[in-house]
Amino acid sequence: MTDDLGAGQIYVPADSPMRPLWDAIRKLPCPMVKYPNVALQGEPRPEVGDIHPSQPWQPIGAKVDGSPDVSVNHIVPKVELLYLPRFLELSADHMWEVIHGALNLQWLPTRVSRFHKGSRNAEDMVGVDEAWKQEQIALQHRKRRELTEIIHALADSAVH
């Protein structure tokens, strides 16, 4: 579900039967707080001073500790995963694996992740390079299809 304000942010309404699940997912510690320095989507973690295609006019800055100011970001927003067909048929472990699996993760400058992406679809992002945005739209569609296939396979393999 998206909001009525045109920002395209996906959310779970307070009165939705899925709200308790979403609240539980949000409260669990995120495994990506100190994500390892590994390649995601075939791209290494950007370094301080690198140019990221999302905002090629602004180099990657540094955090207080000197590390690159980048964050791991879900390509398909994790809240949207709850709405994918058959997601609610998964076990809690499989839900967690789908939500936080590297298949759906990418490195983004923290400023882009916080202020431009959030829980939005790529189509609704502003303040980013237009060519990169179009690539993100295609990537998001592809990942949505791949995740749906994985969810179906996991649901089909569940022991009832």
N, C-alpha and C. Protein backbone atom coordinates (compact mmCIF):
# COMPACT_ATOMS: atom_id res chain seq x y z
N MET A 1 0.85 -1.16 0.00
CA MET A 1 0.00 0.00 0.00
C MET A 1 0.90 1.23 0.00
N THR A 2 0.54 2.26 -0.77
CA THR A 2 1.31 3.50 -0.78
C THR A 2 0.49 4.61 -0.15
N ASP A 3 1.20 5.66 0.26
CA ASP A 3 0.51 6.75 0.94
C ASP A 3 -0.30 7.60 -0.03
N ASP A 4 -1.09 8.51 0.52
CA ASP A 4 -1.95 9.38 -0.29
C ASP A 4 -1.27 10.69 -0.66
N LEU A 5 -0.04 10.88 -0.23
CA LEU A 5 0.62 12.16 -0.39
C LEU A 5 1.44 12.26 -1.67
N GLY A 6 1.46 11.18 -2.45
CA GLY A 6 2.18 11.22 -3.71
C GLY A 6 3.67 10.93 -3.57
N ALA A 7 4.15 10.69 -2.36
CA ALA A 7 5.57 10.42 -2.17
C ALA A 7 5.91 8.98 -2.51
N GLY A 8 4.89 8.15 -2.68
CA GLY A 8 5.13 6.77 -3.07
C GLY A 8 5.67 5.88 -1.98
N GLN A 9 5.64 6.34 -0.74
CA GLN A 9 6.16 5.52 0.34
C GLN A 9 5.21 4.37 0.62
N ILE A 10 5.77 3.17 0.74
CA ILE A 10 4.98 1.98 1.00
C ILE A 10 4.88 1.80 2.50
N TYR A 11 3.72 1.41 2.97
CA TYR A 11 3.54 1.24 4.41
C TYR A 11 2.49 0.17 4.67
N VAL A 12 2.40 -0.23 5.94
CA VAL A 12 1.37 -1.16 6.38
C VAL A 12 0.42 -0.35 7.25
N PRO A 13 -0.84 -0.20 6.86
CA PRO A 13 -1.79 0.58 7.66
C PRO A 13 -1.92 0.03 9.08
N ALA A 14 -2.20 0.91 10.02
CA ALA A 14 -2.31 0.53 11.43
C ALA A 14 -3.38 -0.54 11.64
N ASP A 15 -4.44 -0.53 10.84
CA ASP A 15 -5.53 -1.49 11.04
C ASP A 15 -5.39 -2.75 10.17
N SER A 16 -4.25 -2.91 9.51
CA SER A 16 -4.04 -4.07 8.64
C SER A 16 -3.77 -5.32 9.49
N PRO A 17 -4.28 -6.48 9.05
CA PRO A 17 -3.95 -7.72 9.75
C PRO A 17 -2.45 -8.04 9.70
N MET A 18 -1.73 -7.43 8.75
CA MET A 18 -0.28 -7.65 8.65
C MET A 18 0.52 -6.76 9.59
N ARG A 19 -0.15 -5.79 10.24
CA ARG A 19 0.58 -4.82 11.06
C ARG A 19 1.38 -5.47 12.19
N PRO A 20 0.86 -6.46 12.92
CA PRO A 20 1.68 -7.07 13.97
C PRO A 20 2.96 -7.72 13.42
N LEU A 21 2.86 -8.36 12.26
CA LEU A 21 4.04 -8.95 11.64
C LEU A 21 5.04 -7.85 11.27
N TRP A 22 4.56 -6.79 10.65
CA TRP A 22 5.44 -5.69 10.25
C TRP A 22 6.09 -5.06 11.48
N ASP A 23 5.34 -4.85 12.54
CA ASP A 23 5.91 -4.28 13.76
C ASP A 23 7.00 -5.18 14.32
N ALA A 24 6.78 -6.50 14.29
CA ALA A 24 7.79 -7.45 14.79
C ALA A 24 9.05 -7.40 13.92
N ILE A 25 8.87 -7.34 12.61
CA ILE A 25 10.02 -7.27 11.70
C ILE A 25 10.81 -5.99 11.94
N ARG A 26 10.13 -4.89 12.11
CA ARG A 26 10.81 -3.60 12.33
C ARG A 26 11.56 -3.57 13.65
N LYS A 27 11.07 -4.27 14.67
CA LYS A 27 11.71 -4.23 16.00
C LYS A 27 12.93 -5.14 16.10
N LEU A 28 13.02 -6.14 15.24
CA LEU A 28 14.17 -7.04 15.31
C LEU A 28 15.43 -6.31 14.88
N PRO A 29 16.56 -6.63 15.51
CA PRO A 29 17.80 -5.95 15.13
C PRO A 29 18.15 -6.25 13.67
N CYS A 30 18.55 -5.22 12.99
CA CYS A 30 18.89 -5.34 11.57
C CYS A 30 20.30 -5.91 11.45
N PRO A 31 20.48 -6.96 10.67
CA PRO A 31 21.81 -7.54 10.52
C PRO A 31 22.74 -6.68 9.68
N MET A 32 22.24 -5.57 9.15
CA MET A 32 23.04 -4.76 8.25
C MET A 32 23.66 -3.54 8.90
N VAL A 33 23.56 -3.42 10.23
CA VAL A 33 24.12 -2.25 10.89
C VAL A 33 25.61 -2.15 10.60
N LYS A 34 26.33 -3.22 10.72
CA LYS A 34 27.75 -3.24 10.37
C LYS A 34 27.95 -4.31 9.30
N TYR A 35 27.39 -4.06 8.15
CA TYR A 35 27.44 -5.05 7.07
C TYR A 35 28.89 -5.21 6.63
N PRO A 36 29.30 -6.43 6.35
CA PRO A 36 30.70 -6.64 5.94
C PRO A 36 31.01 -5.97 4.61
N ASN A 37 32.27 -5.69 4.41
CA ASN A 37 32.73 -5.05 3.19
C ASN A 37 32.80 -6.10 2.08
N VAL A 38 31.63 -6.36 1.49
CA VAL A 38 31.51 -7.35 0.41
C VAL A 38 30.81 -6.70 -0.77
N ALA A 39 30.98 -7.30 -1.93
CA ALA A 39 30.29 -6.82 -3.12
C ALA A 39 28.80 -7.18 -3.02
N LEU A 40 27.97 -6.26 -3.44
CA LEU A 40 26.53 -6.48 -3.54
C LEU A 40 26.10 -6.10 -4.96
N GLN A 41 25.31 -6.94 -5.58
CA GLN A 41 24.90 -6.76 -6.98
C GLN A 41 26.13 -6.63 -7.88
N GLY A 42 27.20 -7.34 -7.50
CA GLY A 42 28.41 -7.34 -8.30
C GLY A 42 29.27 -6.10 -8.15
N GLU A 43 28.90 -5.20 -7.25
CA GLU A 43 29.63 -3.95 -7.05
C GLU A 43 30.27 -3.93 -5.67
N PRO A 44 31.57 -3.57 -5.59
CA PRO A 44 32.20 -3.48 -4.27
C PRO A 44 31.62 -2.31 -3.47
N ARG A 45 31.81 -2.37 -2.17
CA ARG A 45 31.38 -1.23 -1.34
C ARG A 45 32.16 0.00 -1.78
N PRO A 46 31.47 1.11 -2.04
CA PRO A 46 32.18 2.34 -2.43
C PRO A 46 33.12 2.81 -1.32
N GLU A 47 34.18 3.47 -1.73
CA GLU A 47 35.16 4.03 -0.80
C GLU A 47 34.97 5.55 -0.71
N VAL A 48 35.53 6.15 0.32
CA VAL A 48 35.50 7.60 0.47
C VAL A 48 36.09 8.23 -0.79
N GLY A 49 35.37 9.21 -1.34
CA GLY A 49 35.82 9.90 -2.54
C GLY A 49 35.32 9.30 -3.84
N ASP A 50 34.82 8.06 -3.79
CA ASP A 50 34.26 7.45 -5.00
C ASP A 50 33.03 8.22 -5.45
N ILE A 51 32.73 8.09 -6.71
CA ILE A 51 31.52 8.67 -7.27
C ILE A 51 30.50 7.54 -7.43
N HIS A 52 29.33 7.73 -6.84
CA HIS A 52 28.26 6.74 -6.98
C HIS A 52 27.32 7.24 -8.07
N PRO A 53 26.86 6.36 -8.96
CA PRO A 53 26.01 6.81 -10.07
C PRO A 53 24.67 7.42 -9.65
N SER A 54 24.24 7.21 -8.41
CA SER A 54 22.98 7.81 -7.98
C SER A 54 23.07 9.33 -7.88
N GLN A 55 24.24 9.83 -7.53
CA GLN A 55 24.48 11.27 -7.44
C GLN A 55 25.92 11.54 -7.89
N PRO A 56 26.15 11.48 -9.20
CA PRO A 56 27.53 11.61 -9.69
C PRO A 56 28.15 12.98 -9.44
N TRP A 57 27.37 13.93 -9.02
CA TRP A 57 27.86 15.27 -8.74
C TRP A 57 28.41 15.39 -7.31
N GLN A 58 28.29 14.33 -6.50
CA GLN A 58 28.72 14.42 -5.11
C GLN A 58 29.48 13.16 -4.71
N PRO A 59 30.78 13.28 -4.38
CA PRO A 59 31.54 12.10 -3.99
C PRO A 59 31.08 11.53 -2.65
N ILE A 60 31.39 10.26 -2.44
CA ILE A 60 31.08 9.58 -1.18
C ILE A 60 31.89 10.25 -0.07
N GLY A 61 31.20 10.63 0.99
CA GLY A 61 31.86 11.23 2.15
C GLY A 61 32.34 10.17 3.13
N ALA A 62 32.83 10.65 4.26
CA ALA A 62 33.33 9.75 5.31
C ALA A 62 32.49 9.91 6.57
N LYS A 63 32.32 8.79 7.28
CA LYS A 63 31.70 8.82 8.60
C LYS A 63 32.75 9.34 9.59
N VAL A 64 32.34 9.57 10.81
CA VAL A 64 33.24 10.06 11.85
C VAL A 64 34.46 9.14 12.01
N ASP A 65 34.25 7.84 11.86
CA ASP A 65 35.35 6.89 12.04
C ASP A 65 36.23 6.76 10.79
N GLY A 66 35.93 7.53 9.75
CA GLY A 66 36.73 7.51 8.53
C GLY A 66 36.26 6.52 7.48
N SER A 67 35.31 5.67 7.83
CA SER A 67 34.79 4.70 6.85
C SER A 67 33.86 5.40 5.87
N PRO A 68 33.64 4.80 4.71
CA PRO A 68 32.76 5.42 3.70
C PRO A 68 31.34 5.60 4.24
N ASP A 69 30.74 6.73 3.92
CA ASP A 69 29.37 7.01 4.36
C ASP A 69 28.39 6.38 3.38
N VAL A 70 28.34 5.05 3.43
CA VAL A 70 27.43 4.27 2.60
C VAL A 70 26.63 3.34 3.49
N SER A 71 25.49 2.92 2.98
CA SER A 71 24.60 2.02 3.72
C SER A 71 24.14 0.90 2.80
N VAL A 72 23.82 -0.22 3.42
CA VAL A 72 23.20 -1.31 2.67
C VAL A 72 21.72 -0.97 2.55
N ASN A 73 21.19 -1.10 1.35
CA ASN A 73 19.82 -0.70 1.08
C ASN A 73 19.08 -1.84 0.39
N HIS A 74 17.82 -2.02 0.78
CA HIS A 74 16.97 -3.01 0.11
C HIS A 74 16.53 -2.44 -1.24
N ILE A 75 16.72 -3.20 -2.29
CA ILE A 75 16.31 -2.77 -3.62
C ILE A 75 14.79 -2.72 -3.69
N VAL A 76 14.14 -3.82 -3.38
CA VAL A 76 12.69 -3.83 -3.21
C VAL A 76 12.48 -3.56 -1.72
N PRO A 77 11.78 -2.47 -1.37
CA PRO A 77 11.62 -2.14 0.05
C PRO A 77 11.10 -3.33 0.85
N LYS A 78 11.66 -3.52 2.04
CA LYS A 78 11.28 -4.71 2.81
C LYS A 78 9.80 -4.71 3.15
N VAL A 79 9.20 -3.55 3.35
CA VAL A 79 7.76 -3.54 3.63
C VAL A 79 6.98 -4.06 2.43
N GLU A 80 7.47 -3.81 1.23
CA GLU A 80 6.77 -4.29 0.04
C GLU A 80 6.81 -5.82 -0.05
N LEU A 81 7.85 -6.42 0.50
CA LEU A 81 7.96 -7.89 0.44
C LEU A 81 6.77 -8.55 1.11
N LEU A 82 6.22 -7.93 2.14
CA LEU A 82 5.05 -8.49 2.82
C LEU A 82 3.87 -8.65 1.87
N TYR A 83 3.82 -7.81 0.84
CA TYR A 83 2.70 -7.82 -0.11
C TYR A 83 2.95 -8.73 -1.32
N LEU A 84 4.15 -9.30 -1.43
CA LEU A 84 4.40 -10.20 -2.55
C LEU A 84 3.60 -11.49 -2.37
N PRO A 85 3.13 -12.08 -3.48
CA PRO A 85 2.32 -13.29 -3.38
C PRO A 85 3.02 -14.39 -2.58
N ARG A 86 2.30 -14.95 -1.64
CA ARG A 86 2.68 -16.11 -0.83
C ARG A 86 3.72 -15.80 0.25
N PHE A 87 4.14 -14.56 0.39
CA PHE A 87 5.13 -14.25 1.43
C PHE A 87 4.64 -14.68 2.81
N LEU A 88 3.36 -14.46 3.07
CA LEU A 88 2.82 -14.79 4.39
C LEU A 88 2.72 -16.29 4.64
N GLU A 89 2.95 -17.10 3.61
CA GLU A 89 2.98 -18.56 3.79
C GLU A 89 4.34 -19.06 4.28
N LEU A 90 5.34 -18.20 4.27
CA LEU A 90 6.69 -18.61 4.64
C LEU A 90 6.84 -18.76 6.15
N SER A 91 7.79 -19.59 6.54
CA SER A 91 8.15 -19.69 7.96
C SER A 91 8.84 -18.39 8.37
N ALA A 92 8.92 -18.14 9.65
CA ALA A 92 9.59 -16.93 10.14
C ALA A 92 11.04 -16.89 9.67
N ASP A 93 11.73 -18.03 9.69
CA ASP A 93 13.12 -18.07 9.22
C ASP A 93 13.22 -17.72 7.74
N HIS A 94 12.32 -18.26 6.93
CA HIS A 94 12.36 -17.96 5.50
C HIS A 94 11.98 -16.50 5.24
N MET A 95 11.04 -15.96 6.00
CA MET A 95 10.72 -14.53 5.85
C MET A 95 11.97 -13.70 6.09
N TRP A 96 12.67 -14.00 7.17
CA TRP A 96 13.88 -13.25 7.53
C TRP A 96 14.94 -13.37 6.42
N GLU A 97 15.11 -14.57 5.89
CA GLU A 97 16.10 -14.78 4.83
C GLU A 97 15.73 -14.02 3.56
N VAL A 98 14.47 -14.00 3.22
CA VAL A 98 14.03 -13.25 2.03
C VAL A 98 14.22 -11.76 2.25
N ILE A 99 13.84 -11.27 3.42
CA ILE A 99 13.93 -9.84 3.70
C ILE A 99 15.37 -9.35 3.67
N HIS A 100 16.28 -10.12 4.25
CA HIS A 100 17.65 -9.63 4.40
C HIS A 100 18.68 -10.34 3.54
N GLY A 101 18.24 -11.14 2.58
CA GLY A 101 19.17 -11.83 1.69
C GLY A 101 19.89 -10.87 0.76
N ALA A 102 21.14 -11.19 0.44
CA ALA A 102 21.97 -10.33 -0.41
C ALA A 102 21.38 -10.14 -1.80
N LEU A 103 20.51 -11.03 -2.24
CA LEU A 103 19.87 -10.89 -3.55
C LEU A 103 19.16 -9.54 -3.69
N ASN A 104 18.66 -9.01 -2.58
CA ASN A 104 17.86 -7.79 -2.60
C ASN A 104 18.59 -6.60 -1.97
N LEU A 105 19.91 -6.66 -1.90
CA LEU A 105 20.67 -5.59 -1.25
C LEU A 105 21.63 -4.92 -2.21
N GLN A 106 21.89 -3.63 -1.95
CA GLN A 106 22.87 -2.88 -2.72
C GLN A 106 23.48 -1.81 -1.81
N TRP A 107 24.66 -1.35 -2.17
CA TRP A 107 25.28 -0.23 -1.47
C TRP A 107 24.75 1.08 -2.03
N LEU A 108 24.38 2.00 -1.15
CA LEU A 108 23.98 3.34 -1.55
C LEU A 108 24.67 4.35 -0.63
N PRO A 109 24.96 5.54 -1.16
CA PRO A 109 25.39 6.59 -0.24
C PRO A 109 24.30 6.77 0.83
N THR A 110 24.71 6.94 2.07
CA THR A 110 23.72 7.05 3.15
C THR A 110 22.73 8.17 2.88
N ARG A 111 23.18 9.28 2.33
CA ARG A 111 22.26 10.41 2.07
C ARG A 111 21.18 10.01 1.07
N VAL A 112 21.52 9.18 0.10
CA VAL A 112 20.54 8.72 -0.88
C VAL A 112 19.57 7.74 -0.22
N SER A 113 20.10 6.84 0.57
CA SER A 113 19.26 5.85 1.25
C SER A 113 18.27 6.52 2.19
N ARG A 114 18.74 7.48 2.96
CA ARG A 114 17.88 8.13 3.96
C ARG A 114 16.89 9.12 3.37
N PHE A 115 17.39 9.98 2.50
CA PHE A 115 16.59 11.12 2.08
C PHE A 115 15.89 10.95 0.74
N HIS A 116 16.30 9.98 -0.03
CA HIS A 116 15.72 9.86 -1.37
C HIS A 116 15.03 8.53 -1.61
N LYS A 117 15.47 7.47 -0.95
CA LYS A 117 14.87 6.16 -1.21
C LYS A 117 13.86 5.82 -0.13
N GLY A 118 14.31 5.63 1.10
CA GLY A 118 13.40 5.23 2.16
C GLY A 118 12.64 3.99 1.72
N SER A 119 11.37 3.93 2.02
CA SER A 119 10.54 2.78 1.62
C SER A 119 9.77 3.11 0.35
N ARG A 120 10.48 3.67 -0.62
CA ARG A 120 9.83 4.07 -1.86
C ARG A 120 10.24 3.16 -3.00
N ASN A 121 9.38 3.10 -3.99
CA ASN A 121 9.76 2.45 -5.23
C ASN A 121 10.67 3.40 -5.99
N ALA A 122 11.50 2.84 -6.84
CA ALA A 122 12.46 3.64 -7.58
C ALA A 122 11.78 4.73 -8.41
N GLU A 123 10.59 4.45 -8.92
CA GLU A 123 9.88 5.44 -9.74
C GLU A 123 9.63 6.75 -8.99
N ASP A 124 9.55 6.68 -7.67
CA ASP A 124 9.18 7.84 -6.87
C ASP A 124 10.38 8.58 -6.28
N MET A 125 11.59 8.15 -6.60
CA MET A 125 12.78 8.80 -6.06
C MET A 125 13.01 10.14 -6.75
N VAL A 126 13.45 11.10 -5.96
CA VAL A 126 13.82 12.42 -6.47
C VAL A 126 15.22 12.75 -5.97
N GLY A 127 15.87 13.70 -6.62
CA GLY A 127 17.20 14.12 -6.18
C GLY A 127 18.31 13.16 -6.56
N VAL A 128 18.03 12.29 -7.54
CA VAL A 128 19.04 11.34 -8.00
C VAL A 128 19.19 11.48 -9.51
N ASP A 129 20.30 10.97 -10.02
CA ASP A 129 20.56 11.01 -11.45
C ASP A 129 19.46 10.25 -12.21
N GLU A 130 18.94 10.84 -13.26
CA GLU A 130 17.81 10.25 -13.99
C GLU A 130 18.18 8.92 -14.65
N ALA A 131 19.36 8.82 -15.23
CA ALA A 131 19.77 7.55 -15.86
C ALA A 131 19.88 6.45 -14.80
N TRP A 132 20.46 6.77 -13.65
CA TRP A 132 20.56 5.80 -12.56
C TRP A 132 19.17 5.40 -12.08
N LYS A 133 18.28 6.37 -11.98
CA LYS A 133 16.91 6.09 -11.55
C LYS A 133 16.25 5.08 -12.49
N GLN A 134 16.42 5.26 -13.79
CA GLN A 134 15.83 4.33 -14.76
C GLN A 134 16.43 2.93 -14.60
N GLU A 135 17.73 2.86 -14.34
CA GLU A 135 18.37 1.56 -14.08
C GLU A 135 17.81 0.93 -12.81
N GLN A 136 17.55 1.75 -11.78
CA GLN A 136 16.99 1.25 -10.53
C GLN A 136 15.58 0.73 -10.72
N ILE A 137 14.81 1.40 -11.56
CA ILE A 137 13.45 0.94 -11.84
C ILE A 137 13.51 -0.46 -12.45
N ALA A 138 14.39 -0.64 -13.44
CA ALA A 138 14.53 -1.96 -14.08
C ALA A 138 15.05 -2.99 -13.08
N LEU A 139 16.03 -2.60 -12.25
CA LEU A 139 16.58 -3.51 -11.25
C LEU A 139 15.50 -3.92 -10.24
N GLN A 140 14.72 -2.96 -9.81
CA GLN A 140 13.66 -3.25 -8.85
C GLN A 140 12.63 -4.22 -9.44
N HIS A 141 12.25 -4.03 -10.67
CA HIS A 141 11.30 -4.94 -11.32
C HIS A 141 11.89 -6.35 -11.42
N ARG A 142 13.17 -6.43 -11.81
CA ARG A 142 13.82 -7.73 -11.92
C ARG A 142 13.92 -8.42 -10.56
N LYS A 143 14.31 -7.69 -9.54
CA LYS A 143 14.44 -8.27 -8.20
C LYS A 143 13.07 -8.68 -7.65
N ARG A 144 12.06 -7.92 -7.94
CA ARG A 144 10.70 -8.28 -7.50
C ARG A 144 10.30 -9.63 -8.09
N ARG A 145 10.59 -9.83 -9.38
CA ARG A 145 10.28 -11.11 -10.04
C ARG A 145 11.10 -12.24 -9.41
N GLU A 146 12.40 -12.02 -9.22
CA GLU A 146 13.27 -13.04 -8.64
C GLU A 146 12.82 -13.40 -7.22
N LEU A 147 12.50 -12.39 -6.43
CA LEU A 147 12.06 -12.65 -5.05
C LEU A 147 10.73 -13.40 -5.03
N THR A 148 9.84 -13.06 -5.95
CA THR A 148 8.56 -13.77 -6.02
C THR A 148 8.78 -15.24 -6.35
N GLU A 149 9.69 -15.52 -7.28
CA GLU A 149 10.02 -16.91 -7.61
C GLU A 149 10.59 -17.65 -6.40
N ILE A 150 11.47 -17.00 -5.66
CA ILE A 150 12.07 -17.62 -4.47
C ILE A 150 11.00 -17.87 -3.42
N ILE A 151 10.14 -16.90 -3.21
CA ILE A 151 9.06 -17.05 -2.22
C ILE A 151 8.18 -18.24 -2.59
N HIS A 152 7.82 -18.36 -3.85
CA HIS A 152 6.99 -19.48 -4.29
C HIS A 152 7.70 -20.81 -4.06
N ALA A 153 8.99 -20.87 -4.38
CA ALA A 153 9.74 -22.11 -4.18
C ALA A 153 9.83 -22.47 -2.70
N LEU A 154 10.08 -21.48 -1.86
CA LEU A 154 10.14 -21.74 -0.42
C LEU A 154 8.78 -22.18 0.12
N ALA A 155 7.73 -21.51 -0.32
CA ALA A 155 6.38 -21.87 0.15
C ALA A 155 6.02 -23.28 -0.32
N ASP A 156 6.38 -23.62 -1.55
CA ASP A 156 6.09 -24.96 -2.08
C ASP A 156 6.86 -26.04 -1.34
N SER A 157 8.04 -25.70 -0.84
CA SER A 157 8.88 -26.70 -0.18
C SER A 157 8.58 -26.83 1.31
N ALA A 158 7.70 -25.99 1.83
CA ALA A 158 7.39 -26.01 3.26
C ALA A 158 6.72 -27.32 3.65
N VAL A 159 7.08 -27.82 4.80
CA VAL A 159 6.46 -29.03 5.34
C VAL A 159 5.19 -28.60 6.06
N HIS A 160 4.09 -29.20 5.69
CA HIS A 160 2.81 -28.82 6.31
C HIS A 160 2.39 -29.84 7.32
